[in-house]
Amino acid sequence: ESKSSPRVSTTADWLSREYGDTLIRKGAYDSYLNYYGTLCMFQSGGMHWQKWNEALKATLLPRQIKGGDEDGSWDYKQDVYNVYGGRVYTTAMAVLCLEVYYRYLPMTRH
């Protein structure tokens, strides 16, 4: 679907309104929604993507564990899906979000 599609722009507008600068809604981090939100915002490009990407980095990077046995992983206890996926799931989703521009071409490039 084209980035100028009404569905893409409506979704990008909603994500921007609902999640703003923290990507955390109602006190809980939702790695599943944020992964697909990241894909949407990346494909939308422009200011939506710039704001989302800054919020993504500001939200995810401080949550990464530094030191100890879990070094490099992401804290999963505040993720809404923590009982299903735990540390491995939360870490995988965080990495997928942070590397989206290495795995996908923007829709405007062929």
PDB file of N, CA and C in Angstrom:
ATOM      1  N   GLU A   1       0.849  -1.181   0.000  1.00  0.00           N
ATOM      2  CA  GLU A   1       0.000   0.000   0.000  1.00  0.00           C
ATOM      3  C   GLU A   1       0.891   1.239   0.000  1.00  0.00           C
ATOM      4  N   SER A   2       0.470   2.257  -0.705  1.00  0.00           N
ATOM      5  CA  SER A   2       1.239   3.489  -0.843  1.00  0.00           C
ATOM      6  C   SER A   2       1.257   4.278   0.461  1.00  0.00           C
ATOM      7  N   LYS A   3       2.357   4.976   0.701  1.00  0.00           N
ATOM      8  CA  LYS A   3       2.432   5.776   1.923  1.00  0.00           C
ATOM      9  C   LYS A   3       1.443   6.930   1.898  1.00  0.00           C
ATOM     10  N   SER A   4       0.936   7.290   0.722  1.00  0.00           N
ATOM     11  CA  SER A   4      -0.063   8.353   0.638  1.00  0.00           C
ATOM     12  C   SER A   4      -1.490   7.817   0.808  1.00  0.00           C
ATOM     13  N   SER A   5      -1.615   6.517   1.003  1.00  0.00           N
ATOM     14  CA  SER A   5      -2.927   5.906   1.205  1.00  0.00           C
ATOM     15  C   SER A   5      -3.596   6.467   2.454  1.00  0.00           C
ATOM     16  N   PRO A   6      -4.894   6.704   2.407  1.00  0.00           N
ATOM     17  CA  PRO A   6      -5.595   7.185   3.603  1.00  0.00           C
ATOM     18  C   PRO A   6      -5.449   6.249   4.802  1.00  0.00           C
ATOM     19  N   ARG A   7      -5.401   4.945   4.568  1.00  0.00           N
ATOM     20  CA  ARG A   7      -5.253   4.006   5.694  1.00  0.00           C
ATOM     21  C   ARG A   7      -3.899   4.166   6.368  1.00  0.00           C
ATOM     22  N   VAL A   8      -2.856   4.345   5.585  1.00  0.00           N
ATOM     23  CA  VAL A   8      -1.513   4.511   6.165  1.00  0.00           C
ATOM     24  C   VAL A   8      -1.431   5.819   6.930  1.00  0.00           C
ATOM     25  N   SER A   9      -1.895   6.903   6.332  1.00  0.00           N
ATOM     26  CA  SER A   9      -1.797   8.206   7.015  1.00  0.00           C
ATOM     27  C   SER A   9      -2.705   8.271   8.236  1.00  0.00           C
ATOM     28  N   THR A  10      -3.880   7.665   8.181  1.00  0.00           N
ATOM     29  CA  THR A  10      -4.782   7.645   9.343  1.00  0.00           C
ATOM     30  C   THR A  10      -4.161   6.853  10.484  1.00  0.00           C
ATOM     31  N   THR A  11      -3.554   5.713  10.169  1.00  0.00           N
ATOM     32  CA  THR A  11      -2.905   4.902  11.193  1.00  0.00           C
ATOM     33  C   THR A  11      -1.714   5.640  11.793  1.00  0.00           C
ATOM     34  N   ALA A  12      -0.911   6.271  10.953  1.00  0.00           N
ATOM     35  CA  ALA A  12       0.248   7.027  11.442  1.00  0.00           C
ATOM     36  C   ALA A  12      -0.209   8.183  12.337  1.00  0.00           C
ATOM     37  N   ASP A  13      -1.277   8.860  11.962  1.00  0.00           N
ATOM     38  CA  ASP A  13      -1.815   9.947  12.795  1.00  0.00           C
ATOM     39  C   ASP A  13      -2.267   9.411  14.144  1.00  0.00           C
ATOM     40  N   TRP A  14      -2.969   8.283  14.153  1.00  0.00           N
ATOM     41  CA  TRP A  14      -3.463   7.692  15.397  1.00  0.00           C
ATOM     42  C   TRP A  14      -2.299   7.288  16.308  1.00  0.00           C
ATOM     43  N   LEU A  15      -1.313   6.588  15.746  1.00  0.00           N
ATOM     44  CA  LEU A  15      -0.160   6.167  16.539  1.00  0.00           C
ATOM     45  C   LEU A  15       0.552   7.368  17.149  1.00  0.00           C
ATOM     46  N   SER A  16       0.698   8.408  16.368  1.00  0.00           N
ATOM     47  CA  SER A  16       1.365   9.614  16.844  1.00  0.00           C
ATOM     48  C   SER A  16       0.594  10.259  17.997  1.00  0.00           C
ATOM     49  N   ARG A  17      -0.717  10.309  17.868  1.00  0.00           N
ATOM     50  CA  ARG A  17      -1.558  10.890  18.932  1.00  0.00           C
ATOM     51  C   ARG A  17      -1.547  10.033  20.188  1.00  0.00           C
ATOM     52  N   GLU A  18      -1.718   8.743  20.026  1.00  0.00           N
ATOM     53  CA  GLU A  18      -1.869   7.842  21.167  1.00  0.00           C
ATOM     54  C   GLU A  18      -0.568   7.605  21.930  1.00  0.00           C
ATOM     55  N   TYR A  19       0.540   7.565  21.224  1.00  0.00           N
ATOM     56  CA  TYR A  19       1.796   7.182  21.856  1.00  0.00           C
ATOM     57  C   TYR A  19       2.776   8.328  22.036  1.00  0.00           C
ATOM     58  N   GLY A  20       2.615   9.387  21.296  1.00  0.00           N
ATOM     59  CA  GLY A  20       3.431  10.575  21.486  1.00  0.00           C
ATOM     60  C   GLY A  20       4.918  10.302  21.567  1.00  0.00           C
ATOM     61  N   ASP A  21       5.534  10.755  22.647  1.00  0.00           N
ATOM     62  CA  ASP A  21       6.984  10.699  22.766  1.00  0.00           C
ATOM     63  C   ASP A  21       7.517   9.503  23.540  1.00  0.00           C
ATOM     64  N   THR A  22       6.660   8.637  24.070  1.00  0.00           N
ATOM     65  CA  THR A  22       7.169   7.564  24.923  1.00  0.00           C
ATOM     66  C   THR A  22       6.898   6.160  24.423  1.00  0.00           C
ATOM     67  N   LEU A  23       5.984   6.005  23.494  1.00  0.00           N
ATOM     68  CA  LEU A  23       5.578   4.684  23.009  1.00  0.00           C
ATOM     69  C   LEU A  23       5.040   3.810  24.131  1.00  0.00           C
ATOM     70  N   ILE A  24       4.639   4.433  25.212  1.00  0.00           N
ATOM     71  CA  ILE A  24       4.053   3.703  26.341  1.00  0.00           C
ATOM     72  C   ILE A  24       2.650   4.258  26.552  1.00  0.00           C
ATOM     73  N   ARG A  25       1.676   3.387  26.552  1.00  0.00           N
ATOM     74  CA  ARG A  25       0.283   3.806  26.685  1.00  0.00           C
ATOM     75  C   ARG A  25      -0.291   3.203  27.957  1.00  0.00           C
ATOM     76  N   LYS A  26      -0.930   4.027  28.739  1.00  0.00           N
ATOM     77  CA  LYS A  26      -1.563   3.584  29.984  1.00  0.00           C
ATOM     78  C   LYS A  26      -0.580   2.851  30.894  1.00  0.00           C
ATOM     79  N   GLY A  27       0.661   3.326  30.926  1.00  0.00           N
ATOM     80  CA  GLY A  27       1.650   2.786  31.851  1.00  0.00           C
ATOM     81  C   GLY A  27       2.303   1.479  31.459  1.00  0.00           C
ATOM     82  N   ALA A  28       1.925   0.899  30.315  1.00  0.00           N
ATOM     83  CA  ALA A  28       2.490  -0.387  29.919  1.00  0.00           C
ATOM     84  C   ALA A  28       3.157  -0.280  28.556  1.00  0.00           C
ATOM     85  N   TYR A  29       4.269  -0.960  28.406  1.00  0.00           N
ATOM     86  CA  TYR A  29       4.967  -1.023  27.130  1.00  0.00           C
ATOM     87  C   TYR A  29       4.435  -2.220  26.357  1.00  0.00           C
ATOM     88  N   ASP A  30       4.041  -2.022  25.115  1.00  0.00           N
ATOM     89  CA  ASP A  30       3.482  -3.079  24.270  1.00  0.00           C
ATOM     90  C   ASP A  30       4.427  -3.310  23.100  1.00  0.00           C
ATOM     91  N   SER A  31       5.338  -4.263  23.238  1.00  0.00           N
ATOM     92  CA  SER A  31       6.350  -4.485  22.211  1.00  0.00           C
ATOM     93  C   SER A  31       5.736  -4.943  20.891  1.00  0.00           C
ATOM     94  N   TYR A  32       4.647  -5.677  20.937  1.00  0.00           N
ATOM     95  CA  TYR A  32       3.989  -6.151  19.719  1.00  0.00           C
ATOM     96  C   TYR A  32       3.431  -4.974  18.930  1.00  0.00           C
ATOM     97  N   LEU A  33       2.668  -4.131  19.582  1.00  0.00           N
ATOM     98  CA  LEU A  33       2.103  -2.970  18.913  1.00  0.00           C
ATOM     99  C   LEU A  33       3.208  -2.032  18.435  1.00  0.00           C
ATOM    100  N   ASN A  34       4.227  -1.848  19.249  1.00  0.00           N
ATOM    101  CA  ASN A  34       5.299  -0.934  18.863  1.00  0.00           C
ATOM    102  C   ASN A  34       6.110  -1.454  17.681  1.00  0.00           C
ATOM    103  N   TYR A  35       6.238  -2.763  17.551  1.00  0.00           N
ATOM    104  CA  TYR A  35       6.925  -3.310  16.380  1.00  0.00           C
ATOM    105  C   TYR A  35       6.144  -2.977  15.115  1.00  0.00           C
ATOM    106  N   TYR A  36       4.851  -3.265  15.118  1.00  0.00           N
ATOM    107  CA  TYR A  36       4.060  -2.975  13.923  1.00  0.00           C
ATOM    108  C   TYR A  36       3.867  -1.471  13.731  1.00  0.00           C
ATOM    109  N   GLY A  37       3.824  -0.727  14.812  1.00  0.00           N
ATOM    110  CA  GLY A  37       3.796   0.728  14.711  1.00  0.00           C
ATOM    111  C   GLY A  37       5.061   1.253  14.067  1.00  0.00           C
ATOM    112  N   THR A  38       6.194   0.658  14.417  1.00  0.00           N
ATOM    113  CA  THR A  38       7.467   1.057  13.825  1.00  0.00           C
ATOM    114  C   THR A  38       7.470   0.794  12.326  1.00  0.00           C
ATOM    115  N   LEU A  39       6.957  -0.358  11.915  1.00  0.00           N
ATOM    116  CA  LEU A  39       6.870  -0.647  10.478  1.00  0.00           C
ATOM    117  C   LEU A  39       5.992   0.383   9.768  1.00  0.00           C
ATOM    118  N   CYS A  40       4.848   0.694  10.356  1.00  0.00           N
ATOM    119  CA  CYS A  40       3.926   1.666   9.762  1.00  0.00           C
ATOM    120  C   CYS A  40       4.576   3.042   9.649  1.00  0.00           C
ATOM    121  N   MET A  41       5.180   3.492  10.740  1.00  0.00           N
ATOM    122  CA  MET A  41       5.782   4.823  10.739  1.00  0.00           C
ATOM    123  C   MET A  41       6.977   4.894   9.796  1.00  0.00           C
ATOM    124  N   PHE A  42       7.763   3.837   9.710  1.00  0.00           N
ATOM    125  CA  PHE A  42       8.887   3.812   8.793  1.00  0.00           C
ATOM    126  C   PHE A  42       8.395   3.947   7.355  1.00  0.00           C
ATOM    127  N   GLN A  43       7.338   3.205   7.040  1.00  0.00           N
ATOM    128  CA  GLN A  43       6.793   3.286   5.684  1.00  0.00           C
ATOM    129  C   GLN A  43       6.118   4.634   5.419  1.00  0.00           C
ATOM    130  N   SER A  44       5.585   5.256   6.459  1.00  0.00           N
ATOM    131  CA  SER A  44       4.959   6.572   6.293  1.00  0.00           C
ATOM    132  C   SER A  44       6.008   7.632   5.997  1.00  0.00           C
ATOM    133  N   GLY A  45       7.158   7.494   6.646  1.00  0.00           N
ATOM    134  CA  GLY A  45       8.252   8.432   6.425  1.00  0.00           C
ATOM    135  C   GLY A  45       7.970   9.811   7.001  1.00  0.00           C
ATOM    136  N   GLY A  46       8.756  10.763   6.598  1.00  0.00           N
ATOM    137  CA  GLY A  46       8.557  12.151   6.982  1.00  0.00           C
ATOM    138  C   GLY A  46       8.596  12.382   8.485  1.00  0.00           C
ATOM    139  N   MET A  47       7.807  13.363   8.911  1.00  0.00           N
ATOM    140  CA  MET A  47       7.780  13.748  10.324  1.00  0.00           C
ATOM    141  C   MET A  47       7.242  12.641  11.219  1.00  0.00           C
ATOM    142  N   HIS A  48       6.269  11.870  10.732  1.00  0.00           N
ATOM    143  CA  HIS A  48       5.769  10.757  11.546  1.00  0.00           C
ATOM    144  C   HIS A  48       6.918   9.835  11.920  1.00  0.00           C
ATOM    145  N   TRP A  49       7.707   9.438  10.929  1.00  0.00           N
ATOM    146  CA  TRP A  49       8.805   8.520  11.195  1.00  0.00           C
ATOM    147  C   TRP A  49       9.866   9.178  12.067  1.00  0.00           C
ATOM    148  N   GLN A  50      10.228  10.406  11.800  1.00  0.00           N
ATOM    149  CA  GLN A  50      11.262  11.076  12.592  1.00  0.00           C
ATOM    150  C   GLN A  50      10.879  11.142  14.072  1.00  0.00           C
ATOM    151  N   LYS A  51       9.641  11.550  14.340  1.00  0.00           N
ATOM    152  CA  LYS A  51       9.185  11.624  15.740  1.00  0.00           C
ATOM    153  C   LYS A  51       9.141  10.246  16.382  1.00  0.00           C
ATOM    154  N   TRP A  52       8.588   9.278  15.665  1.00  0.00           N
ATOM    155  CA  TRP A  52       8.466   7.919  16.190  1.00  0.00           C
ATOM    156  C   TRP A  52       9.849   7.327  16.478  1.00  0.00           C
ATOM    157  N   ASN A  53      10.774   7.477  15.546  1.00  0.00           N
ATOM    158  CA  ASN A  53      12.101   6.900  15.709  1.00  0.00           C
ATOM    159  C   ASN A  53      12.823   7.507  16.905  1.00  0.00           C
ATOM    160  N   GLU A  54      12.697   8.801  17.103  1.00  0.00           N
ATOM    161  CA  GLU A  54      13.310   9.437  18.282  1.00  0.00           C
ATOM    162  C   GLU A  54      12.682   8.899  19.570  1.00  0.00           C
ATOM    163  N   ALA A  55      11.351   8.777  19.575  1.00  0.00           N
ATOM    164  CA  ALA A  55      10.660   8.232  20.750  1.00  0.00           C
ATOM    165  C   ALA A  55      11.035   6.772  20.974  1.00  0.00           C
ATOM    166  N   LEU A  56      11.176   6.027  19.896  1.00  0.00           N
ATOM    167  CA  LEU A  56      11.556   4.621  19.982  1.00  0.00           C
ATOM    168  C   LEU A  56      12.917   4.472  20.660  1.00  0.00           C
ATOM    169  N   LYS A  57      13.875   5.217  20.190  1.00  0.00           N
ATOM    170  CA  LYS A  57      15.225   5.142  20.782  1.00  0.00           C
ATOM    171  C   LYS A  57      15.207   5.615  22.238  1.00  0.00           C
ATOM    172  N   ALA A  58      14.470   6.684  22.508  1.00  0.00           N
ATOM    173  CA  ALA A  58      14.410   7.217  23.880  1.00  0.00           C
ATOM    174  C   ALA A  58      13.697   6.248  24.825  1.00  0.00           C
ATOM    175  N   THR A  59      12.801   5.446  24.305  1.00  0.00           N
ATOM    176  CA  THR A  59      12.057   4.485  25.123  1.00  0.00           C
ATOM    177  C   THR A  59      12.833   3.181  25.293  1.00  0.00           C
ATOM    178  N   LEU A  60      13.384   2.667  24.209  1.00  0.00           N
ATOM    179  CA  LEU A  60      14.015   1.345  24.256  1.00  0.00           C
ATOM    180  C   LEU A  60      15.428   1.337  24.830  1.00  0.00           C
ATOM    181  N   LEU A  61      16.246   2.260  24.433  1.00  0.00           N
ATOM    182  CA  LEU A  61      17.656   2.190  24.833  1.00  0.00           C
ATOM    183  C   LEU A  61      17.863   2.234  26.342  1.00  0.00           C
ATOM    184  N   PRO A  62      17.142   3.079  27.094  1.00  0.00           N
ATOM    185  CA  PRO A  62      17.326   3.046  28.552  1.00  0.00           C
ATOM    186  C   PRO A  62      16.827   1.757  29.214  1.00  0.00           C
ATOM    187  N   ARG A  63      15.959   1.013  28.542  1.00  0.00           N
ATOM    188  CA  ARG A  63      15.414  -0.227  29.097  1.00  0.00           C
ATOM    189  C   ARG A  63      16.337  -1.429  28.884  1.00  0.00           C
ATOM    190  N   GLN A  64      17.357  -1.263  28.067  1.00  0.00           N
ATOM    191  CA  GLN A  64      18.275  -2.368  27.817  1.00  0.00           C
ATOM    192  C   GLN A  64      19.127  -2.616  29.051  1.00  0.00           C
ATOM    193  N   ILE A  65      19.279  -3.885  29.421  1.00  0.00           N
ATOM    194  CA  ILE A  65      20.042  -4.270  30.603  1.00  0.00           C
ATOM    195  C   ILE A  65      21.534  -4.116  30.306  1.00  0.00           C
ATOM    196  N   LYS A  66      22.212  -3.496  31.232  1.00  0.00           N
ATOM    197  CA  LYS A  66      23.656  -3.303  31.086  1.00  0.00           C
ATOM    198  C   LYS A  66      24.353  -3.969  32.261  1.00  0.00           C
ATOM    199  N   GLY A  67      25.110  -5.006  31.963  1.00  0.00           N
ATOM    200  CA  GLY A  67      25.845  -5.721  32.995  1.00  0.00           C
ATOM    201  C   GLY A  67      25.109  -6.954  33.493  1.00  0.00           C
ATOM    202  N   GLY A  68      25.856  -7.846  34.074  1.00  0.00           N
ATOM    203  CA  GLY A  68      25.268  -9.055  34.652  1.00  0.00           C
ATOM    204  C   GLY A  68      24.939 -10.113  33.616  1.00  0.00           C
ATOM    205  N   ASP A  69      24.235 -11.132  34.075  1.00  0.00           N
ATOM    206  CA  ASP A  69      23.892 -12.266  33.210  1.00  0.00           C
ATOM    207  C   ASP A  69      22.952 -11.898  32.065  1.00  0.00           C
ATOM    208  N   GLU A  70      22.188 -10.843  32.218  1.00  0.00           N
ATOM    209  CA  GLU A  70      21.206 -10.459  31.198  1.00  0.00           C
ATOM    210  C   GLU A  70      21.680  -9.295  30.342  1.00  0.00           C
ATOM    211  N   ASP A  71      22.974  -9.019  30.354  1.00  0.00           N
ATOM    212  CA  ASP A  71      23.565  -7.911  29.616  1.00  0.00           C
ATOM    213  C   ASP A  71      23.132  -7.937  28.147  1.00  0.00           C
ATOM    214  N   GLY A  72      22.655  -6.801  27.663  1.00  0.00           N
ATOM    215  CA  GLY A  72      22.252  -6.671  26.264  1.00  0.00           C
ATOM    216  C   GLY A  72      20.804  -7.017  25.991  1.00  0.00           C
ATOM    217  N   SER A  73      20.139  -7.639  26.947  1.00  0.00           N
ATOM    218  CA  SER A  73      18.727  -7.980  26.749  1.00  0.00           C
ATOM    219  C   SER A  73      17.856  -6.806  27.195  1.00  0.00           C
ATOM    220  N   TRP A  74      16.556  -6.952  26.996  1.00  0.00           N
ATOM    221  CA  TRP A  74      15.617  -5.909  27.412  1.00  0.00           C
ATOM    222  C   TRP A  74      14.766  -6.395  28.572  1.00  0.00           C
ATOM    223  N   ASP A  75      14.506  -5.473  29.470  1.00  0.00           N
ATOM    224  CA  ASP A  75      13.648  -5.764  30.616  1.00  0.00           C
ATOM    225  C   ASP A  75      12.239  -6.067  30.114  1.00  0.00           C
ATOM    226  N   TYR A  76      11.707  -7.162  30.508  1.00  0.00           N
ATOM    227  CA  TYR A  76      10.409  -7.612  30.004  1.00  0.00           C
ATOM    228  C   TYR A  76       9.277  -7.426  31.005  1.00  0.00           C
ATOM    229  N   LYS A  77       9.560  -7.093  32.233  1.00  0.00           N
ATOM    230  CA  LYS A  77       8.537  -7.114  33.279  1.00  0.00           C
ATOM    231  C   LYS A  77       7.423  -6.113  33.076  1.00  0.00           C
ATOM    232  N   GLN A  78       7.693  -5.019  32.358  1.00  0.00           N
ATOM    233  CA  GLN A  78       6.651  -4.020  32.121  1.00  0.00           C
ATOM    234  C   GLN A  78       5.962  -4.202  30.775  1.00  0.00           C
ATOM    235  N   ASP A  79       6.386  -5.179  29.991  1.00  0.00           N
ATOM    236  CA  ASP A  79       5.770  -5.433  28.688  1.00  0.00           C
ATOM    237  C   ASP A  79       4.436  -6.146  28.905  1.00  0.00           C
ATOM    238  N   VAL A  80       3.421  -5.752  28.168  1.00  0.00           N
ATOM    239  CA  VAL A  80       2.095  -6.351  28.357  1.00  0.00           C
ATOM    240  C   VAL A  80       2.068  -7.838  27.996  1.00  0.00           C
ATOM    241  N   TYR A  81       3.034  -8.315  27.215  1.00  0.00           N
ATOM    242  CA  TYR A  81       3.069  -9.724  26.832  1.00  0.00           C
ATOM    243  C   TYR A  81       4.140 -10.507  27.583  1.00  0.00           C
ATOM    244  N   ASN A  82       4.607 -10.001  28.707  1.00  0.00           N
ATOM    245  CA  ASN A  82       5.724 -10.634  29.415  1.00  0.00           C
ATOM    246  C   ASN A  82       5.441 -12.061  29.852  1.00  0.00           C
ATOM    247  N   VAL A  83       4.197 -12.386  30.173  1.00  0.00           N
ATOM    248  CA  VAL A  83       3.901 -13.751  30.631  1.00  0.00           C
ATOM    249  C   VAL A  83       3.963 -14.753  29.482  1.00  0.00           C
ATOM    250  N   TYR A  84       3.872 -14.276  28.250  1.00  0.00           N
ATOM    251  CA  TYR A  84       3.894 -15.179  27.096  1.00  0.00           C
ATOM    252  C   TYR A  84       5.291 -15.339  26.505  1.00  0.00           C
ATOM    253  N   GLY A  85       6.047 -14.265  26.448  1.00  0.00           N
ATOM    254  CA  GLY A  85       7.322 -14.328  25.742  1.00  0.00           C
ATOM    255  C   GLY A  85       8.550 -14.123  26.588  1.00  0.00           C
ATOM    256  N   GLY A  86       8.395 -13.424  27.689  1.00  0.00           N
ATOM    257  CA  GLY A  86       9.531 -13.195  28.575  1.00  0.00           C
ATOM    258  C   GLY A  86      10.644 -12.389  27.945  1.00  0.00           C
ATOM    259  N   ARG A  87      11.831 -12.585  28.472  1.00  0.00           N
ATOM    260  CA  ARG A  87      13.002 -11.807  28.071  1.00  0.00           C
ATOM    261  C   ARG A  87      13.370 -12.011  26.597  1.00  0.00           C
ATOM    262  N   VAL A  88      13.312 -13.242  26.111  1.00  0.00           N
ATOM    263  CA  VAL A  88      13.702 -13.515  24.722  1.00  0.00           C
ATOM    264  C   VAL A  88      12.772 -12.778  23.757  1.00  0.00           C
ATOM    265  N   TYR A  89      11.486 -12.870  23.990  1.00  0.00           N
ATOM    266  CA  TYR A  89      10.505 -12.195  23.130  1.00  0.00           C
ATOM    267  C   TYR A  89      10.709 -10.683  23.152  1.00  0.00           C
ATOM    268  N   THR A  90      10.797 -10.092  24.328  1.00  0.00           N
ATOM    269  CA  THR A  90      10.925  -8.650  24.454  1.00  0.00           C
ATOM    270  C   THR A  90      12.222  -8.163  23.814  1.00  0.00           C
ATOM    271  N   THR A  91      13.294  -8.911  23.988  1.00  0.00           N
ATOM    272  CA  THR A  91      14.574  -8.534  23.380  1.00  0.00           C
ATOM    273  C   THR A  91      14.495  -8.627  21.860  1.00  0.00           C
ATOM    274  N   ALA A  92      13.920  -9.705  21.353  1.00  0.00           N
ATOM    275  CA  ALA A  92      13.792  -9.857  19.901  1.00  0.00           C
ATOM    276  C   ALA A  92      12.964  -8.722  19.301  1.00  0.00           C
ATOM    277  N   MET A  93      11.861  -8.377  19.927  1.00  0.00           N
ATOM    278  CA  MET A  93      11.007  -7.301  19.409  1.00  0.00           C
ATOM    279  C   MET A  93      11.730  -5.954  19.457  1.00  0.00           C
ATOM    280  N   ALA A  94      12.486  -5.704  20.510  1.00  0.00           N
ATOM    281  CA  ALA A  94      13.233  -4.448  20.619  1.00  0.00           C
ATOM    282  C   ALA A  94      14.272  -4.348  19.498  1.00  0.00           C
ATOM    283  N   VAL A  95      14.985  -5.432  19.259  1.00  0.00           N
ATOM    284  CA  VAL A  95      16.000  -5.430  18.207  1.00  0.00           C
ATOM    285  C   VAL A  95      15.343  -5.236  16.836  1.00  0.00           C
ATOM    286  N   LEU A  96      14.243  -5.922  16.589  1.00  0.00           N
ATOM    287  CA  LEU A  96      13.540  -5.758  15.308  1.00  0.00           C
ATOM    288  C   LEU A  96      13.086  -4.316  15.100  1.00  0.00           C
ATOM    289  N   CYS A  97      12.625  -3.670  16.152  1.00  0.00           N
ATOM    290  CA  CYS A  97      12.221  -2.260  16.049  1.00  0.00           C
ATOM    291  C   CYS A  97      13.416  -1.383  15.713  1.00  0.00           C
ATOM    292  N   LEU A  98      14.512  -1.595  16.407  1.00  0.00           N
ATOM    293  CA  LEU A  98      15.677  -0.725  16.241  1.00  0.00           C
ATOM    294  C   LEU A  98      16.407  -0.926  14.918  1.00  0.00           C
ATOM    295  N   GLU A  99      16.188  -2.048  14.250  1.00  0.00           N
ATOM    296  CA  GLU A  99      16.885  -2.282  12.984  1.00  0.00           C
ATOM    297  C   GLU A  99      15.960  -2.224  11.773  1.00  0.00           C
ATOM    298  N   VAL A 100      14.790  -1.651  11.921  1.00  0.00           N
ATOM    299  CA  VAL A 100      13.815  -1.670  10.830  1.00  0.00           C
ATOM    300  C   VAL A 100      14.377  -1.056   9.551  1.00  0.00           C
ATOM    301  N   TYR A 101      15.177  -0.026   9.643  1.00  0.00           N
ATOM    302  CA  TYR A 101      15.686   0.601   8.419  1.00  0.00           C
ATOM    303  C   TYR A 101      16.763  -0.223   7.733  1.00  0.00           C
ATOM    304  N   TYR A 102      17.250  -1.271   8.367  1.00  0.00           N
ATOM    305  CA  TYR A 102      18.214  -2.156   7.718  1.00  0.00           C
ATOM    306  C   TYR A 102      17.527  -3.342   7.036  1.00  0.00           C
ATOM    307  N   ARG A 103      16.283  -3.604   7.374  1.00  0.00           N
ATOM    308  CA  ARG A 103      15.582  -4.778   6.852  1.00  0.00           C
ATOM    309  C   ARG A 103      14.559  -4.463   5.783  1.00  0.00           C
ATOM    310  N   TYR A 104      14.075  -3.232   5.734  1.00  0.00           N
ATOM    311  CA  TYR A 104      13.019  -2.866   4.788  1.00  0.00           C
ATOM    312  C   TYR A 104      13.416  -1.632   4.003  1.00  0.00           C
ATOM    313  N   LEU A 105      13.078  -1.631   2.746  1.00  0.00           N
ATOM    314  CA  LEU A 105      13.207  -0.417   1.955  1.00  0.00           C
ATOM    315  C   LEU A 105      11.949   0.409   2.152  1.00  0.00           C
ATOM    316  N   PRO A 106      12.081   1.732   2.209  1.00  0.00           N
ATOM    317  CA  PRO A 106      10.867   2.555   2.261  1.00  0.00           C
ATOM    318  C   PRO A 106      10.017   2.298   1.016  1.00  0.00           C
ATOM    319  N   MET A 107       8.717   2.460   1.134  1.00  0.00           N
ATOM    320  CA  MET A 107       7.810   2.183   0.019  1.00  0.00           C
ATOM    321  C   MET A 107       8.078   3.081  -1.180  1.00  0.00           C
ATOM    322  N   THR A 108       8.746   4.195  -0.973  1.00  0.00           N
ATOM    323  CA  THR A 108       8.982   5.124  -2.077  1.00  0.00           C
ATOM    324  C   THR A 108      10.183   4.736  -2.918  1.00  0.00           C
ATOM    325  N   ARG A 109      11.008   3.767  -2.455  1.00  0.00           N
ATOM    326  CA  ARG A 109      12.155   3.304  -3.229  1.00  0.00           C
ATOM    327  C   ARG A 109      11.847   1.977  -3.893  1.00  0.00           C
ATOM    328  N   HIS A 110      12.381   1.769  -5.071  1.00  0.00           N
ATOM    329  CA  HIS A 110      12.146   0.501  -5.791  1.00  0.00           C
ATOM    330  C   HIS A 110      13.451  -0.126  -6.180  1.00  0.00           C
TER     331      HIS A 110
END
